[in-house]
Amino acid sequence: MTFYNFARGVVKCIFKPLYRVEVIGLEHFPKDGGVLLCSNHISNLDPPTLGIAAPRPVHFMAKAELFQKSATKKLMNAINAFPVKRGMSDREALRNGLKLLKEDKVVGLFPEGTRSVTGELGKGLAGAGFFALRSNAHILPCAVIGPYKPFKKQKVVFGKPIDFTEIRKNKTSADVATEVIMSEIQKLINEHTC
């Protein structure tokens, strides 16, 4: 058993009863091939929540500062995270993400780049569009909905993969591609918020 699977099992045992995590749309999650999993970002608890909801291991981008100390670097590597320098174009992170998608892995992104202070979906950054356009991965929108309060329901909603065939053919800009992704995430939020 890998450390990722062990950690996922531990988190699942805690989060499922504590936050009453409900997963919706699991049938939409591609069983194989590269997957770009794009979600809103409302809490530091989003990555582990998505990690237990997804049926396949997820490789998340994590801020580069977490890789500067030996102990946290080992932990980040063990849970499949890879570093990104925030606030700048990080070519190494982009290369790593594309490589994982080409290897048919699942790459988890929060296109907003940071947590939403208000809980409302913010503007997406071009990185999500870049990955969507430069890979042949399935583009899977996702919404995390709920307050992360003990014993209050937390939802993870996987939408249908977005058909990017025409968008890739038309050589759309990364910004426009990201807007398409963000629009699908917003639809999931609207449909599943009580």
C-alpha atoms as a PDB file:
ATOM      1  CA  MET A   1       0.000   0.000   0.000  1.00  0.00           C
ATOM      2  CA  THR A   2       1.326   3.443  -0.920  1.00  0.00           C
ATOM      3  CA  PHE A   3       1.432   6.294   1.561  1.00  0.00           C
ATOM      4  CA  TYR A   4      -1.152   8.104  -0.602  1.00  0.00           C
ATOM      5  CA  ASN A   5      -3.648   5.246  -0.192  1.00  0.00           C
ATOM      6  CA  PHE A   6      -2.919   5.020   3.525  1.00  0.00           C
ATOM      7  CA  ALA A   7      -3.384   8.791   4.014  1.00  0.00           C
ATOM      8  CA  ARG A   8      -6.553   8.729   1.892  1.00  0.00           C
ATOM      9  CA  GLY A   9      -7.978   5.964   4.080  1.00  0.00           C
ATOM     10  CA  VAL A  10      -7.219   7.878   7.288  1.00  0.00           C
ATOM     11  CA  VAL A  11      -8.713  11.134   5.957  1.00  0.00           C
ATOM     12  CA  LYS A  12     -11.799   9.283   4.703  1.00  0.00           C
ATOM     13  CA  CYS A  13     -12.402   7.750   8.155  1.00  0.00           C
ATOM     14  CA  ILE A  14     -12.318  11.251   9.687  1.00  0.00           C
ATOM     15  CA  PHE A  15     -14.004  13.391   7.005  1.00  0.00           C
ATOM     16  CA  LYS A  16     -16.892  11.103   5.993  1.00  0.00           C
ATOM     17  CA  PRO A  17     -18.576  11.110   9.425  1.00  0.00           C
ATOM     18  CA  LEU A  18     -17.325  14.539  10.587  1.00  0.00           C
ATOM     19  CA  TYR A  19     -18.314  16.523   7.486  1.00  0.00           C
ATOM     20  CA  ARG A  20     -20.895  14.046   6.156  1.00  0.00           C
ATOM     21  CA  VAL A  21     -19.166  14.154   2.756  1.00  0.00           C
ATOM     22  CA  GLU A  22     -21.596  13.348  -0.051  1.00  0.00           C
ATOM     23  CA  VAL A  23     -20.201  12.642  -3.518  1.00  0.00           C
ATOM     24  CA  ILE A  24     -22.454  13.376  -6.494  1.00  0.00           C
ATOM     25  CA  GLY A  25     -21.733  12.569 -10.140  1.00  0.00           C
ATOM     26  CA  LEU A  26     -19.106   9.892  -9.580  1.00  0.00           C
ATOM     27  CA  GLU A  27     -20.305   8.243 -12.786  1.00  0.00           C
ATOM     28  CA  HIS A  28     -18.879  11.250 -14.694  1.00  0.00           C
ATOM     29  CA  PHE A  29     -15.320  10.630 -13.477  1.00  0.00           C
ATOM     30  CA  PRO A  30     -13.314   9.076 -16.368  1.00  0.00           C
ATOM     31  CA  LYS A  31     -12.028   5.621 -15.508  1.00  0.00           C
ATOM     32  CA  ASP A  32      -8.859   6.046 -17.569  1.00  0.00           C
ATOM     33  CA  GLY A  33      -6.838   8.622 -19.478  1.00  0.00           C
ATOM     34  CA  GLY A  34      -5.526  11.949 -18.250  1.00  0.00           C
ATOM     35  CA  VAL A  35      -7.997  14.025 -16.242  1.00  0.00           C
ATOM     36  CA  LEU A  36      -7.772  17.733 -15.461  1.00  0.00           C
ATOM     37  CA  LEU A  37      -9.943  18.063 -12.340  1.00  0.00           C
ATOM     38  CA  CYS A  38     -10.937  21.727 -11.917  1.00  0.00           C
ATOM     39  CA  SER A  39     -12.719  22.823  -8.750  1.00  0.00           C
ATOM     40  CA  ASN A  40     -13.726  25.921  -6.842  1.00  0.00           C
ATOM     41  CA  HIS A  41     -11.630  26.594  -3.726  1.00  0.00           C
ATOM     42  CA  ILE A  42     -13.335  27.498  -0.450  1.00  0.00           C
ATOM     43  CA  SER A  43     -11.051  25.977   2.199  1.00  0.00           C
ATOM     44  CA  ASN A  44      -7.661  24.430   2.960  1.00  0.00           C
ATOM     45  CA  LEU A  45      -9.672  21.232   3.427  1.00  0.00           C
ATOM     46  CA  ASP A  46     -10.604  21.101  -0.277  1.00  0.00           C
ATOM     47  CA  PRO A  47      -7.582  19.024  -1.449  1.00  0.00           C
ATOM     48  CA  PRO A  48      -8.080  16.189   1.063  1.00  0.00           C
ATOM     49  CA  THR A  49     -11.846  16.288   0.467  1.00  0.00           C
ATOM     50  CA  LEU A  50     -11.375  15.948  -3.289  1.00  0.00           C
ATOM     51  CA  GLY A  51      -8.733  13.295  -2.643  1.00  0.00           C
ATOM     52  CA  ILE A  52     -11.223  11.068  -0.819  1.00  0.00           C
ATOM     53  CA  ALA A  53     -14.063  11.823  -3.256  1.00  0.00           C
ATOM     54  CA  ALA A  54     -12.129  11.035  -6.442  1.00  0.00           C
ATOM     55  CA  PRO A  55     -11.958   7.359  -7.409  1.00  0.00           C
ATOM     56  CA  ARG A  56      -8.402   7.794  -8.744  1.00  0.00           C
ATOM     57  CA  PRO A  57      -5.293   9.317  -7.101  1.00  0.00           C
ATOM     58  CA  VAL A  58      -5.119  13.094  -7.605  1.00  0.00           C
ATOM     59  CA  HIS A  59      -1.903  15.076  -8.138  1.00  0.00           C
ATOM     60  CA  PHE A  60      -2.396  18.601  -6.787  1.00  0.00           C
ATOM     61  CA  MET A  61      -0.273  21.658  -7.359  1.00  0.00           C
ATOM     62  CA  ALA A  62       0.869  22.988  -3.990  1.00  0.00           C
ATOM     63  CA  LYS A  63       2.617  26.239  -3.134  1.00  0.00           C
ATOM     64  CA  ALA A  64       6.386  25.952  -3.542  1.00  0.00           C
ATOM     65  CA  GLU A  65       6.992  27.044   0.079  1.00  0.00           C
ATOM     66  CA  LEU A  66       5.721  23.634   1.234  1.00  0.00           C
ATOM     67  CA  PHE A  67       8.625  21.974  -0.585  1.00  0.00           C
ATOM     68  CA  GLN A  68      11.377  24.068   1.047  1.00  0.00           C
ATOM     69  CA  LYS A  69      11.690  22.070   4.272  1.00  0.00           C
ATOM     70  CA  SER A  70      12.756  18.445   4.160  1.00  0.00           C
ATOM     71  CA  ALA A  71       9.878  17.055   6.260  1.00  0.00           C
ATOM     72  CA  THR A  72       7.073  18.847   4.407  1.00  0.00           C
ATOM     73  CA  LYS A  73       8.748  18.163   1.044  1.00  0.00           C
ATOM     74  CA  LYS A  74       8.694  14.411   1.755  1.00  0.00           C
ATOM     75  CA  LEU A  75       5.062  14.605   2.798  1.00  0.00           C
ATOM     76  CA  MET A  76       4.064  16.617  -0.294  1.00  0.00           C
ATOM     77  CA  ASN A  77       5.824  14.127  -2.573  1.00  0.00           C
ATOM     78  CA  ALA A  78       4.220  11.187  -0.746  1.00  0.00           C
ATOM     79  CA  ILE A  79       0.714  12.586  -1.338  1.00  0.00           C
ATOM     80  CA  ASN A  80       1.398  13.202  -5.049  1.00  0.00           C
ATOM     81  CA  ALA A  81       1.655  17.011  -4.809  1.00  0.00           C
ATOM     82  CA  PHE A  82       4.004  19.014  -7.018  1.00  0.00           C
ATOM     83  CA  PRO A  83       5.266  22.567  -6.465  1.00  0.00           C
ATOM     84  CA  VAL A  84       4.102  25.767  -8.110  1.00  0.00           C
ATOM     85  CA  LYS A  85       5.455  29.268  -7.535  1.00  0.00           C
ATOM     86  CA  ARG A  86       2.454  31.476  -7.002  1.00  0.00           C
ATOM     87  CA  GLY A  87       2.118  34.929  -8.513  1.00  0.00           C
ATOM     88  CA  MET A  88       4.302  34.178 -11.529  1.00  0.00           C
ATOM     89  CA  SER A  89       4.442  31.980 -14.593  1.00  0.00           C
ATOM     90  CA  ASP A  90       6.070  28.768 -13.368  1.00  0.00           C
ATOM     91  CA  ARG A  91       7.228  26.827 -16.429  1.00  0.00           C
ATOM     92  CA  GLU A  92       8.473  23.889 -14.377  1.00  0.00           C
ATOM     93  CA  ALA A  93       5.043  23.439 -12.763  1.00  0.00           C
ATOM     94  CA  LEU A  94       3.383  23.669 -16.189  1.00  0.00           C
ATOM     95  CA  ARG A  95       5.761  21.018 -17.578  1.00  0.00           C
ATOM     96  CA  ASN A  96       5.132  18.748 -14.575  1.00  0.00           C
ATOM     97  CA  GLY A  97       1.365  19.083 -14.938  1.00  0.00           C
ATOM     98  CA  LEU A  98       1.421  18.331 -18.673  1.00  0.00           C
ATOM     99  CA  LYS A  99       3.714  15.347 -18.111  1.00  0.00           C
ATOM    100  CA  LEU A 100       1.306  13.877 -15.535  1.00  0.00           C
ATOM    101  CA  LEU A 101      -1.669  14.373 -17.880  1.00  0.00           C
ATOM    102  CA  LYS A 102       0.237  12.681 -20.739  1.00  0.00           C
ATOM    103  CA  GLU A 103       0.942   9.780 -18.373  1.00  0.00           C
ATOM    104  CA  ASP A 104      -2.853   9.419 -17.925  1.00  0.00           C
ATOM    105  CA  LYS A 105      -2.828  10.740 -14.355  1.00  0.00           C
ATOM    106  CA  VAL A 106      -5.377  12.992 -12.633  1.00  0.00           C
ATOM    107  CA  VAL A 107      -4.178  16.562 -12.034  1.00  0.00           C
ATOM    108  CA  GLY A 108      -6.222  18.598  -9.551  1.00  0.00           C
ATOM    109  CA  LEU A 109      -6.387  22.367 -10.003  1.00  0.00           C
ATOM    110  CA  PHE A 110      -8.131  25.240  -8.305  1.00  0.00           C
ATOM    111  CA  PRO A 111      -8.304  27.669 -11.248  1.00  0.00           C
ATOM    112  CA  GLU A 112      -8.924  30.652  -8.943  1.00  0.00           C
ATOM    113  CA  GLY A 113      -5.366  30.162  -7.657  1.00  0.00           C
ATOM    114  CA  THR A 114      -6.311  30.844  -4.050  1.00  0.00           C
ATOM    115  CA  ARG A 115      -9.190  30.301  -1.635  1.00  0.00           C
ATOM    116  CA  SER A 116     -12.288  32.430  -2.057  1.00  0.00           C
ATOM    117  CA  VAL A 117     -12.747  34.750   0.918  1.00  0.00           C
ATOM    118  CA  THR A 118     -16.471  35.169   0.252  1.00  0.00           C
ATOM    119  CA  GLY A 119     -17.208  31.599  -0.814  1.00  0.00           C
ATOM    120  CA  GLU A 120     -18.282  32.936  -4.228  1.00  0.00           C
ATOM    121  CA  LEU A 121     -16.528  31.615  -7.324  1.00  0.00           C
ATOM    122  CA  GLY A 122     -13.785  34.031  -8.370  1.00  0.00           C
ATOM    123  CA  LYS A 123     -12.103  34.647 -11.708  1.00  0.00           C
ATOM    124  CA  GLY A 124     -10.076  31.730 -13.007  1.00  0.00           C
ATOM    125  CA  LEU A 125      -6.428  32.095 -13.959  1.00  0.00           C
ATOM    126  CA  ALA A 126      -5.135  31.104 -17.396  1.00  0.00           C
ATOM    127  CA  GLY A 127      -3.282  28.037 -16.070  1.00  0.00           C
ATOM    128  CA  ALA A 128      -6.364  25.803 -16.208  1.00  0.00           C
ATOM    129  CA  GLY A 129      -6.987  26.828 -19.815  1.00  0.00           C
ATOM    130  CA  PHE A 130      -3.326  26.233 -20.658  1.00  0.00           C
ATOM    131  CA  PHE A 131      -3.487  22.629 -19.396  1.00  0.00           C
ATOM    132  CA  ALA A 132      -6.848  22.041 -21.084  1.00  0.00           C
ATOM    133  CA  LEU A 133      -5.587  23.290 -24.458  1.00  0.00           C
ATOM    134  CA  ARG A 134      -2.119  21.714 -24.388  1.00  0.00           C
ATOM    135  CA  SER A 135      -3.227  18.212 -23.400  1.00  0.00           C
ATOM    136  CA  ASN A 136      -5.753  15.673 -24.592  1.00  0.00           C
ATOM    137  CA  ALA A 137      -6.969  15.153 -21.033  1.00  0.00           C
ATOM    138  CA  HIS A 138     -10.604  14.933 -20.017  1.00  0.00           C
ATOM    139  CA  ILE A 139     -11.617  18.291 -18.500  1.00  0.00           C
ATOM    140  CA  LEU A 140     -13.715  17.545 -15.429  1.00  0.00           C
ATOM    141  CA  PRO A 141     -15.487  20.402 -13.619  1.00  0.00           C
ATOM    142  CA  CYS A 142     -16.112  19.968  -9.919  1.00  0.00           C
ATOM    143  CA  ALA A 143     -17.773  21.935  -7.129  1.00  0.00           C
ATOM    144  CA  VAL A 144     -17.176  21.704  -3.397  1.00  0.00           C
ATOM    145  CA  ILE A 145     -20.288  22.944  -1.592  1.00  0.00           C
ATOM    146  CA  GLY A 146     -20.822  23.321   2.139  1.00  0.00           C
ATOM    147  CA  PRO A 147     -19.539  25.024   5.270  1.00  0.00           C
ATOM    148  CA  TYR A 148     -16.944  22.495   6.571  1.00  0.00           C
ATOM    149  CA  LYS A 149     -18.734  22.531   9.905  1.00  0.00           C
ATOM    150  CA  PRO A 150     -18.902  19.330  11.953  1.00  0.00           C
ATOM    151  CA  PHE A 151     -21.917  17.185  11.099  1.00  0.00           C
ATOM    152  CA  LYS A 152     -23.142  19.596   8.395  1.00  0.00           C
ATOM    153  CA  LYS A 153     -23.260  18.078   4.915  1.00  0.00           C
ATOM    154  CA  GLN A 154     -20.316  18.757   2.593  1.00  0.00           C
ATOM    155  CA  LYS A 155     -20.924  18.020  -1.087  1.00  0.00           C
ATOM    156  CA  VAL A 156     -18.448  17.207  -3.820  1.00  0.00           C
ATOM    157  CA  VAL A 157     -20.116  17.374  -7.225  1.00  0.00           C
ATOM    158  CA  PHE A 158     -18.403  16.029 -10.351  1.00  0.00           C
ATOM    159  CA  GLY A 159     -19.897  17.372 -13.567  1.00  0.00           C
ATOM    160  CA  LYS A 160     -19.799  15.786 -16.998  1.00  0.00           C
ATOM    161  CA  PRO A 161     -16.432  16.180 -18.758  1.00  0.00           C
ATOM    162  CA  ILE A 162     -16.385  19.312 -20.903  1.00  0.00           C
ATOM    163  CA  ASP A 163     -16.084  18.636 -24.638  1.00  0.00           C
ATOM    164  CA  PHE A 164     -12.976  20.603 -25.589  1.00  0.00           C
ATOM    165  CA  THR A 165     -12.731  19.283 -29.178  1.00  0.00           C
ATOM    166  CA  GLU A 166     -13.876  22.487 -30.908  1.00  0.00           C
ATOM    167  CA  ILE A 167     -12.165  24.758 -28.395  1.00  0.00           C
ATOM    168  CA  ARG A 168      -8.828  23.018 -29.096  1.00  0.00           C
ATOM    169  CA  LYS A 169      -9.395  23.110 -32.863  1.00  0.00           C
ATOM    170  CA  ASN A 170     -10.180  26.842 -32.818  1.00  0.00           C
ATOM    171  CA  LYS A 171      -6.927  27.636 -30.990  1.00  0.00           C
ATOM    172  CA  THR A 172      -8.826  29.527 -28.323  1.00  0.00           C
ATOM    173  CA  SER A 173      -6.788  31.551 -25.813  1.00  0.00           C
ATOM    174  CA  ALA A 174      -6.010  30.073 -22.391  1.00  0.00           C
ATOM    175  CA  ASP A 175      -8.076  32.846 -20.759  1.00  0.00           C
ATOM    176  CA  VAL A 176     -11.175  31.981 -22.808  1.00  0.00           C
ATOM    177  CA  ALA A 177     -10.670  28.245 -22.200  1.00  0.00           C
ATOM    178  CA  THR A 178     -10.508  28.951 -18.452  1.00  0.00           C
ATOM    179  CA  GLU A 179     -13.747  30.953 -18.667  1.00  0.00           C
ATOM    180  CA  VAL A 180     -15.470  27.920 -20.208  1.00  0.00           C
ATOM    181  CA  ILE A 181     -14.269  25.762 -17.299  1.00  0.00           C
ATOM    182  CA  MET A 182     -15.302  28.340 -14.692  1.00  0.00           C
ATOM    183  CA  SER A 183     -18.750  28.619 -16.261  1.00  0.00           C
ATOM    184  CA  GLU A 184     -19.258  24.846 -15.852  1.00  0.00           C
ATOM    185  CA  ILE A 185     -18.094  24.974 -12.216  1.00  0.00           C
ATOM    186  CA  GLN A 186     -20.546  27.825 -11.554  1.00  0.00           C
ATOM    187  CA  LYS A 187     -23.388  25.768 -13.077  1.00  0.00           C
ATOM    188  CA  LEU A 188     -22.611  22.911 -10.674  1.00  0.00           C
ATOM    189  CA  ILE A 189     -22.611  25.319  -7.729  1.00  0.00           C
ATOM    190  CA  ASN A 190     -25.937  26.828  -8.814  1.00  0.00           C
ATOM    191  CA  GLU A 191     -27.573  23.426  -9.368  1.00  0.00           C
ATOM    192  CA  HIS A 192     -26.475  21.882  -6.060  1.00  0.00           C
ATOM    193  CA  THR A 193     -26.595  24.745  -3.562  1.00  0.00           C
ATOM    194  CA  CYS A 194     -29.671  24.536  -1.358  1.00  0.00           C
END
